[in-house]
Amino acid sequence: MYFIFSTCKLYRYNVNHVGCCHWTLLLFVSHGTRAHVFTSHFESSLTPREFNSYGARRGNDAVMTRGTFASIKLLNRFIGKPGPKTLHIPSGQTLDVFEAADRYHRDGVPLIILAGKDYGSGNSRDWVAKGPYLLGVRAVIAESFEKLHVKQLVGVGIVPLQFLPGDSADSLELSGKERFSVTLPESLSPRQQLTVKTSQGKSFLVTALFDTEMDVIFFQHGGHLRYVARTFL
């Protein structure tokens, strides 16, 4: 699996409006990679021996967000070697993933991930989806997904898009530095094919991995919690 965070424009329907979001590629990683969570944020009063485990810190979103994609084994093809780093566009600076995502957030730029096969595979947990969302990721385009993780992405409001068979970032010669755009219609249906366009003039088809009409509704509301809030409160 490979990740790329790249600038992208998403036209997305939700219950309030048809919105336009710009996505910038954050990661470009190899097959089988998933979001690993490592910490780099604790109150200054704590010593390293007091950091404890992520299980003890999972209620601290500041810790968990900074740890998302922070595995020392993460191979981001933007960088070309293992480590929790990525390339910031357009400055060209190599930054920690969180630092790059924070800069994009301050600039008002949502993010996209380009991935290879089995995105989200492994012992999936809720932070594998929540972490990327809090980093500003709004879509993942992958060759294939771990099935449970697709539900987790939809549940937080990230759209899972799958390359058509035979397509990949490599075969389409995507560098990750392009701007991407995709239109999500109001009449979005499960497994609908959508066209992704890049700033380099390329276009390709992807499949929106919504299995049911309920998945579409959850996504259009921005995830499970927003759906429940709007339905029952």
C-alpha atoms as a PDB file:
ATOM      1  CA  MET A   1       0.000   0.000   0.000  1.00  0.00           C
ATOM      2  CA  TYR A   2       1.274   3.441  -0.736  1.00  0.00           C
ATOM      3  CA  PHE A   3      -0.022   6.741   0.513  1.00  0.00           C
ATOM      4  CA  ILE A   4       0.280  10.095  -1.109  1.00  0.00           C
ATOM      5  CA  PHE A   5      -1.145  13.267   0.323  1.00  0.00           C
ATOM      6  CA  SER A   6      -1.867  15.456  -2.676  1.00  0.00           C
ATOM      7  CA  THR A   7      -3.901  18.552  -3.408  1.00  0.00           C
ATOM      8  CA  CYS A   8      -7.357  17.620  -4.555  1.00  0.00           C
ATOM      9  CA  LYS A   9     -10.718  19.225  -5.132  1.00  0.00           C
ATOM     10  CA  LEU A  10     -13.776  17.292  -4.005  1.00  0.00           C
ATOM     11  CA  TYR A  11     -17.321  18.296  -4.828  1.00  0.00           C
ATOM     12  CA  ARG A  12     -19.258  16.646  -2.065  1.00  0.00           C
ATOM     13  CA  TYR A  13     -22.929  16.608  -1.214  1.00  0.00           C
ATOM     14  CA  ASN A  14     -24.094  16.650   2.361  1.00  0.00           C
ATOM     15  CA  VAL A  15     -27.355  17.540   4.044  1.00  0.00           C
ATOM     16  CA  ASN A  16     -26.457  21.219   4.062  1.00  0.00           C
ATOM     17  CA  HIS A  17     -24.751  22.016   0.780  1.00  0.00           C
ATOM     18  CA  VAL A  18     -22.757  20.897  -2.206  1.00  0.00           C
ATOM     19  CA  GLY A  19     -19.231  21.756  -1.116  1.00  0.00           C
ATOM     20  CA  CYS A  20     -15.915  22.111  -2.876  1.00  0.00           C
ATOM     21  CA  CYS A  21     -12.825  20.858  -1.051  1.00  0.00           C
ATOM     22  CA  HIS A  22      -9.200  21.022  -2.150  1.00  0.00           C
ATOM     23  CA  TRP A  23      -7.187  17.906  -1.333  1.00  0.00           C
ATOM     24  CA  THR A  24      -3.421  17.776  -1.022  1.00  0.00           C
ATOM     25  CA  LEU A  25      -1.646  14.456  -0.988  1.00  0.00           C
ATOM     26  CA  LEU A  26      -0.115  13.664   2.397  1.00  0.00           C
ATOM     27  CA  LEU A  27       1.373  10.173   1.980  1.00  0.00           C
ATOM     28  CA  PHE A  28       2.449   7.697  -0.707  1.00  0.00           C
ATOM     29  CA  VAL A  29       3.053   4.297   0.925  1.00  0.00           C
ATOM     30  CA  SER A  30       3.661   0.648   0.032  1.00  0.00           C
ATOM     31  CA  HIS A  31       1.307  -2.364   0.029  1.00  0.00           C
ATOM     32  CA  GLY A  32      -0.172  -3.467   3.337  1.00  0.00           C
ATOM     33  CA  THR A  33       0.522  -0.253   5.239  1.00  0.00           C
ATOM     34  CA  ARG A  34      -2.044   1.026   7.693  1.00  0.00           C
ATOM     35  CA  ALA A  35      -2.286   3.938  10.051  1.00  0.00           C
ATOM     36  CA  HIS A  36       0.007   3.260  12.982  1.00  0.00           C
ATOM     37  CA  VAL A  37      -0.271   5.500  15.997  1.00  0.00           C
ATOM     38  CA  PHE A  38       2.791   6.719  17.852  1.00  0.00           C
ATOM     39  CA  THR A  39       3.001   9.611  20.233  1.00  0.00           C
ATOM     40  CA  SER A  40       4.906  12.859  20.133  1.00  0.00           C
ATOM     41  CA  HIS A  41       2.690  15.008  22.325  1.00  0.00           C
ATOM     42  CA  PHE A  42       2.505  14.937  26.108  1.00  0.00           C
ATOM     43  CA  GLU A  43       2.342  17.630  28.685  1.00  0.00           C
ATOM     44  CA  SER A  44       5.780  18.937  29.523  1.00  0.00           C
ATOM     45  CA  SER A  45       5.358  17.786  33.112  1.00  0.00           C
ATOM     46  CA  LEU A  46       5.597  14.134  32.026  1.00  0.00           C
ATOM     47  CA  THR A  47       8.836  12.264  31.631  1.00  0.00           C
ATOM     48  CA  PRO A  48       9.242   9.652  28.856  1.00  0.00           C
ATOM     49  CA  ARG A  49       8.897   6.780  31.346  1.00  0.00           C
ATOM     50  CA  GLU A  50       5.443   8.156  32.238  1.00  0.00           C
ATOM     51  CA  PHE A  51       4.144   8.185  28.665  1.00  0.00           C
ATOM     52  CA  ASN A  52       2.500   4.765  29.067  1.00  0.00           C
ATOM     53  CA  SER A  53       0.744   3.048  26.133  1.00  0.00           C
ATOM     54  CA  TYR A  54      -1.651   4.283  23.505  1.00  0.00           C
ATOM     55  CA  GLY A  55      -4.334   2.273  25.230  1.00  0.00           C
ATOM     56  CA  ALA A  56      -3.944   4.631  28.170  1.00  0.00           C
ATOM     57  CA  ARG A  57      -3.913   7.735  25.923  1.00  0.00           C
ATOM     58  CA  ARG A  58      -6.590   6.841  23.367  1.00  0.00           C
ATOM     59  CA  GLY A  59      -8.952   9.407  24.887  1.00  0.00           C
ATOM     60  CA  ASN A  60      -6.467  12.194  24.159  1.00  0.00           C
ATOM     61  CA  ASP A  61      -7.080  13.303  20.587  1.00  0.00           C
ATOM     62  CA  ALA A  62      -3.987  15.549  20.602  1.00  0.00           C
ATOM     63  CA  VAL A  63      -1.791  12.516  21.288  1.00  0.00           C
ATOM     64  CA  MET A  64      -3.544  10.167  18.907  1.00  0.00           C
ATOM     65  CA  THR A  65      -3.673  12.618  16.010  1.00  0.00           C
ATOM     66  CA  ARG A  66       0.038  13.360  16.303  1.00  0.00           C
ATOM     67  CA  GLY A  67       0.727   9.652  16.336  1.00  0.00           C
ATOM     68  CA  THR A  68      -1.264   8.748  13.225  1.00  0.00           C
ATOM     69  CA  PHE A  69       1.034   7.578  10.400  1.00  0.00           C
ATOM     70  CA  ALA A  70       4.005   8.074  12.751  1.00  0.00           C
ATOM     71  CA  SER A  71       5.343   4.538  12.474  1.00  0.00           C
ATOM     72  CA  ILE A  72       9.088   4.354  11.914  1.00  0.00           C
ATOM     73  CA  LYS A  73       8.314   1.516   9.468  1.00  0.00           C
ATOM     74  CA  LEU A  74       6.011   3.636   7.306  1.00  0.00           C
ATOM     75  CA  LEU A  75       7.358   3.765   3.747  1.00  0.00           C
ATOM     76  CA  ASN A  76       6.083   6.950   2.165  1.00  0.00           C
ATOM     77  CA  ARG A  77       7.079   7.031  -1.477  1.00  0.00           C
ATOM     78  CA  PHE A  78       7.273  10.805  -1.322  1.00  0.00           C
ATOM     79  CA  ILE A  79      10.351  10.300   0.849  1.00  0.00           C
ATOM     80  CA  GLY A  80      11.697   6.989  -0.459  1.00  0.00           C
ATOM     81  CA  LYS A  81      12.723   5.515   2.886  1.00  0.00           C
ATOM     82  CA  PRO A  82      10.989   4.328   6.080  1.00  0.00           C
ATOM     83  CA  GLY A  83       9.975   6.931   8.621  1.00  0.00           C
ATOM     84  CA  PRO A  84       7.055   9.138   9.696  1.00  0.00           C
ATOM     85  CA  LYS A  85       7.809  11.911   7.207  1.00  0.00           C
ATOM     86  CA  THR A  86       6.112  13.397   4.173  1.00  0.00           C
ATOM     87  CA  LEU A  87       6.638  16.057   1.539  1.00  0.00           C
ATOM     88  CA  HIS A  88       4.830  19.358   1.939  1.00  0.00           C
ATOM     89  CA  ILE A  89       3.495  20.784  -1.304  1.00  0.00           C
ATOM     90  CA  PRO A  90       4.266  23.324  -2.688  1.00  0.00           C
ATOM     91  CA  SER A  91       7.111  24.275  -0.333  1.00  0.00           C
ATOM     92  CA  GLY A  92       8.987  21.011  -0.986  1.00  0.00           C
ATOM     93  CA  GLN A  93       9.899  20.713   2.708  1.00  0.00           C
ATOM     94  CA  THR A  94      10.189  17.293   4.356  1.00  0.00           C
ATOM     95  CA  LEU A  95       8.118  17.397   7.547  1.00  0.00           C
ATOM     96  CA  ASP A  96       6.642  15.084  10.153  1.00  0.00           C
ATOM     97  CA  VAL A  97       3.241  13.890   8.936  1.00  0.00           C
ATOM     98  CA  PHE A  98       1.433  15.810  11.676  1.00  0.00           C
ATOM     99  CA  GLU A  99       3.373  19.011  10.981  1.00  0.00           C
ATOM    100  CA  ALA A 100       2.565  18.815   7.275  1.00  0.00           C
ATOM    101  CA  ALA A 101      -1.116  18.098   7.964  1.00  0.00           C
ATOM    102  CA  ASP A 102      -1.278  20.975  10.452  1.00  0.00           C
ATOM    103  CA  ARG A 103       0.177  23.357   7.868  1.00  0.00           C
ATOM    104  CA  TYR A 104      -2.366  22.224   5.291  1.00  0.00           C
ATOM    105  CA  HIS A 105      -5.129  22.703   7.853  1.00  0.00           C
ATOM    106  CA  ARG A 106      -4.035  26.263   8.560  1.00  0.00           C
ATOM    107  CA  ASP A 107      -4.053  26.891   4.811  1.00  0.00           C
ATOM    108  CA  GLY A 108      -7.553  25.431   4.487  1.00  0.00           C
ATOM    109  CA  VAL A 109      -6.451  22.478   2.325  1.00  0.00           C
ATOM    110  CA  PRO A 110      -8.120  19.064   2.924  1.00  0.00           C
ATOM    111  CA  LEU A 111      -6.119  15.953   2.113  1.00  0.00           C
ATOM    112  CA  ILE A 112      -6.339  12.746   0.128  1.00  0.00           C
ATOM    113  CA  ILE A 113      -4.442   9.459   0.384  1.00  0.00           C
ATOM    114  CA  LEU A 114      -3.412   7.397  -2.633  1.00  0.00           C
ATOM    115  CA  ALA A 115      -2.841   3.799  -1.599  1.00  0.00           C
ATOM    116  CA  GLY A 116      -2.013   0.385  -3.000  1.00  0.00           C
ATOM    117  CA  LYS A 117      -3.545  -2.925  -2.000  1.00  0.00           C
ATOM    118  CA  ASP A 118      -5.186  -3.897   1.306  1.00  0.00           C
ATOM    119  CA  TYR A 119      -5.428  -0.385   2.701  1.00  0.00           C
ATOM    120  CA  GLY A 120      -6.371  -0.580   6.385  1.00  0.00           C
ATOM    121  CA  SER A 121      -5.366  -4.220   6.777  1.00  0.00           C
ATOM    122  CA  GLY A 122      -4.375  -5.502  10.186  1.00  0.00           C
ATOM    123  CA  ASN A 123      -5.946  -5.295  13.602  1.00  0.00           C
ATOM    124  CA  SER A 124      -8.199  -2.358  12.780  1.00  0.00           C
ATOM    125  CA  ARG A 125      -9.328   0.000  15.505  1.00  0.00           C
ATOM    126  CA  ASP A 126     -11.376   3.172  15.505  1.00  0.00           C
ATOM    127  CA  TRP A 127      -8.342   5.476  15.535  1.00  0.00           C
ATOM    128  CA  VAL A 128      -7.163   4.035  12.226  1.00  0.00           C
ATOM    129  CA  ALA A 129     -10.002   6.070  10.692  1.00  0.00           C
ATOM    130  CA  LYS A 130     -10.369   8.872  13.249  1.00  0.00           C
ATOM    131  CA  GLY A 131      -6.673   9.740  13.134  1.00  0.00           C
ATOM    132  CA  PRO A 132      -6.577  10.401   9.367  1.00  0.00           C
ATOM    133  CA  TYR A 133      -9.838  12.363   9.579  1.00  0.00           C
ATOM    134  CA  LEU A 134      -8.428  14.650  12.271  1.00  0.00           C
ATOM    135  CA  LEU A 135      -5.326  15.137  10.120  1.00  0.00           C
ATOM    136  CA  GLY A 136      -7.604  16.499   7.400  1.00  0.00           C
ATOM    137  CA  VAL A 137      -7.897  13.419   5.156  1.00  0.00           C
ATOM    138  CA  ARG A 138     -11.243  13.441   3.355  1.00  0.00           C
ATOM    139  CA  ALA A 139     -10.784  10.628   0.818  1.00  0.00           C
ATOM    140  CA  VAL A 140      -8.690   7.524   0.185  1.00  0.00           C
ATOM    141  CA  ILE A 141      -8.110   6.159  -3.309  1.00  0.00           C
ATOM    142  CA  ALA A 142      -6.709   2.629  -3.113  1.00  0.00           C
ATOM    143  CA  GLU A 143      -6.311  -0.485  -5.220  1.00  0.00           C
ATOM    144  CA  SER A 144      -8.156  -2.465  -2.542  1.00  0.00           C
ATOM    145  CA  PHE A 145      -9.337  -2.055   1.056  1.00  0.00           C
ATOM    146  CA  GLU A 146      -9.671  -4.201   4.141  1.00  0.00           C
ATOM    147  CA  LYS A 147     -13.440  -4.662   4.318  1.00  0.00           C
ATOM    148  CA  LEU A 148     -13.970  -3.590   7.932  1.00  0.00           C
ATOM    149  CA  HIS A 149     -11.859  -0.493   7.426  1.00  0.00           C
ATOM    150  CA  VAL A 150     -14.146   0.703   4.621  1.00  0.00           C
ATOM    151  CA  LYS A 151     -16.964   0.872   7.175  1.00  0.00           C
ATOM    152  CA  GLN A 152     -14.720   2.750   9.586  1.00  0.00           C
ATOM    153  CA  LEU A 153     -13.822   5.336   6.951  1.00  0.00           C
ATOM    154  CA  VAL A 154     -17.464   5.893   6.014  1.00  0.00           C
ATOM    155  CA  GLY A 155     -18.290   6.120   9.706  1.00  0.00           C
ATOM    156  CA  VAL A 156     -16.065   9.174  10.188  1.00  0.00           C
ATOM    157  CA  GLY A 157     -16.906  10.855   6.881  1.00  0.00           C
ATOM    158  CA  ILE A 158     -13.958   9.784   4.714  1.00  0.00           C
ATOM    159  CA  VAL A 159     -14.947   8.587   1.244  1.00  0.00           C
ATOM    160  CA  PRO A 160     -13.339   5.260   0.160  1.00  0.00           C
ATOM    161  CA  LEU A 161     -12.641   5.233  -3.571  1.00  0.00           C
ATOM    162  CA  GLN A 162     -11.199   2.190  -5.347  1.00  0.00           C
ATOM    163  CA  PHE A 163      -9.219   2.162  -8.579  1.00  0.00           C
ATOM    164  CA  LEU A 164     -10.788   0.046 -11.305  1.00  0.00           C
ATOM    165  CA  PRO A 165      -9.169  -3.395 -11.832  1.00  0.00           C
ATOM    166  CA  GLY A 166      -5.807  -2.960 -13.500  1.00  0.00           C
ATOM    167  CA  ASP A 167      -5.467   0.673 -12.488  1.00  0.00           C
ATOM    168  CA  SER A 168      -3.115   2.018  -9.833  1.00  0.00           C
ATOM    169  CA  ALA A 169      -1.198   5.176  -9.062  1.00  0.00           C
ATOM    170  CA  ASP A 170       1.758   3.606 -10.879  1.00  0.00           C
ATOM    171  CA  SER A 171      -0.117   2.552 -14.012  1.00  0.00           C
ATOM    172  CA  LEU A 172      -1.773   5.975 -14.209  1.00  0.00           C
ATOM    173  CA  GLU A 173       1.618   7.636 -13.618  1.00  0.00           C
ATOM    174  CA  LEU A 174       0.384   9.698 -10.680  1.00  0.00           C
ATOM    175  CA  SER A 175       3.172  11.443  -8.797  1.00  0.00           C
ATOM    176  CA  GLY A 176       1.034  12.705  -5.911  1.00  0.00           C
ATOM    177  CA  LYS A 177       1.896  16.313  -6.644  1.00  0.00           C
ATOM    178  CA  GLU A 178      -1.171  16.829  -8.822  1.00  0.00           C
ATOM    179  CA  ARG A 179      -4.420  18.467  -7.790  1.00  0.00           C
ATOM    180  CA  PHE A 180      -7.329  16.020  -7.880  1.00  0.00           C
ATOM    181  CA  SER A 181     -11.039  16.691  -8.280  1.00  0.00           C
ATOM    182  CA  VAL A 182     -14.082  14.436  -8.139  1.00  0.00           C
ATOM    183  CA  THR A 183     -17.780  15.227  -8.156  1.00  0.00           C
ATOM    184  CA  LEU A 184     -20.019  13.373  -5.711  1.00  0.00           C
ATOM    185  CA  PRO A 185     -23.608  13.878  -6.925  1.00  0.00           C
ATOM    186  CA  GLU A 186     -26.604  14.322  -4.672  1.00  0.00           C
ATOM    187  CA  SER A 187     -27.992  11.088  -6.129  1.00  0.00           C
ATOM    188  CA  LEU A 188     -24.897   9.133  -5.105  1.00  0.00           C
ATOM    189  CA  SER A 189     -25.595   5.390  -5.057  1.00  0.00           C
ATOM    190  CA  PRO A 190     -23.715   2.340  -3.717  1.00  0.00           C
ATOM    191  CA  ARG A 191     -20.783   1.183  -5.858  1.00  0.00           C
ATOM    192  CA  GLN A 192     -21.234   4.097  -8.237  1.00  0.00           C
ATOM    193  CA  GLN A 193     -18.359   4.863 -10.583  1.00  0.00           C
ATOM    194  CA  LEU A 194     -16.990   8.406 -10.414  1.00  0.00           C
ATOM    195  CA  THR A 195     -14.468  10.306 -12.513  1.00  0.00           C
ATOM    196  CA  VAL A 196     -11.358  11.717 -10.864  1.00  0.00           C
ATOM    197  CA  LYS A 197      -9.575  14.518 -12.719  1.00  0.00           C
ATOM    198  CA  THR A 198      -6.079  15.847 -12.086  1.00  0.00           C
ATOM    199  CA  SER A 199      -4.487  19.210 -12.654  1.00  0.00           C
ATOM    200  CA  GLN A 200      -2.209  17.541 -15.221  1.00  0.00           C
ATOM    201  CA  GLY A 201      -5.158  16.828 -17.517  1.00  0.00           C
ATOM    202  CA  LYS A 202      -5.521  13.140 -16.666  1.00  0.00           C
ATOM    203  CA  SER A 203      -8.795  11.494 -15.666  1.00  0.00           C
ATOM    204  CA  PHE A 204      -9.655   8.017 -14.428  1.00  0.00           C
ATOM    205  CA  LEU A 205     -12.604   6.129 -13.012  1.00  0.00           C
ATOM    206  CA  VAL A 206     -12.965   4.956  -9.421  1.00  0.00           C
ATOM    207  CA  THR A 207     -15.679   3.078  -7.560  1.00  0.00           C
ATOM    208  CA  ALA A 208     -17.235   4.635  -4.475  1.00  0.00           C
ATOM    209  CA  LEU A 209     -17.196   1.789  -1.943  1.00  0.00           C
ATOM    210  CA  PHE A 210     -20.565   2.364  -0.341  1.00  0.00           C
ATOM    211  CA  ASP A 211     -22.168  -1.068   0.091  1.00  0.00           C
ATOM    212  CA  THR A 212     -25.654   0.128   1.021  1.00  0.00           C
ATOM    213  CA  GLU A 213     -27.877   3.181   0.793  1.00  0.00           C
ATOM    214  CA  MET A 214     -27.363   3.590   4.535  1.00  0.00           C
ATOM    215  CA  ASP A 215     -23.616   3.922   3.992  1.00  0.00           C
ATOM    216  CA  VAL A 216     -24.294   6.737   1.531  1.00  0.00           C
ATOM    217  CA  ILE A 217     -26.535   8.479   4.056  1.00  0.00           C
ATOM    218  CA  PHE A 218     -23.918   8.159   6.813  1.00  0.00           C
ATOM    219  CA  PHE A 219     -21.286   9.667   4.544  1.00  0.00           C
ATOM    220  CA  GLN A 220     -23.520  12.493   3.353  1.00  0.00           C
ATOM    221  CA  HIS A 221     -24.094  13.456   6.970  1.00  0.00           C
ATOM    222  CA  GLY A 222     -20.354  13.413   7.652  1.00  0.00           C
ATOM    223  CA  GLY A 223     -20.274  10.127   9.581  1.00  0.00           C
ATOM    224  CA  HIS A 224     -22.213   8.184  12.200  1.00  0.00           C
ATOM    225  CA  LEU A 225     -22.101  10.747  15.001  1.00  0.00           C
ATOM    226  CA  ARG A 226     -23.375  13.605  12.869  1.00  0.00           C
ATOM    227  CA  TYR A 227     -26.124  11.378  11.501  1.00  0.00           C
ATOM    228  CA  VAL A 228     -27.254  10.440  15.004  1.00  0.00           C
ATOM    229  CA  ALA A 229     -27.074  14.050  16.190  1.00  0.00           C
ATOM    230  CA  ARG A 230     -29.160  15.327  13.280  1.00  0.00           C
ATOM    231  CA  THR A 231     -31.657  12.471  13.527  1.00  0.00           C
ATOM    232  CA  PHE A 232     -32.290  12.343  17.250  1.00  0.00           C
ATOM    233  CA  LEU A 233     -31.328  15.702  18.738  1.00  0.00           C
END
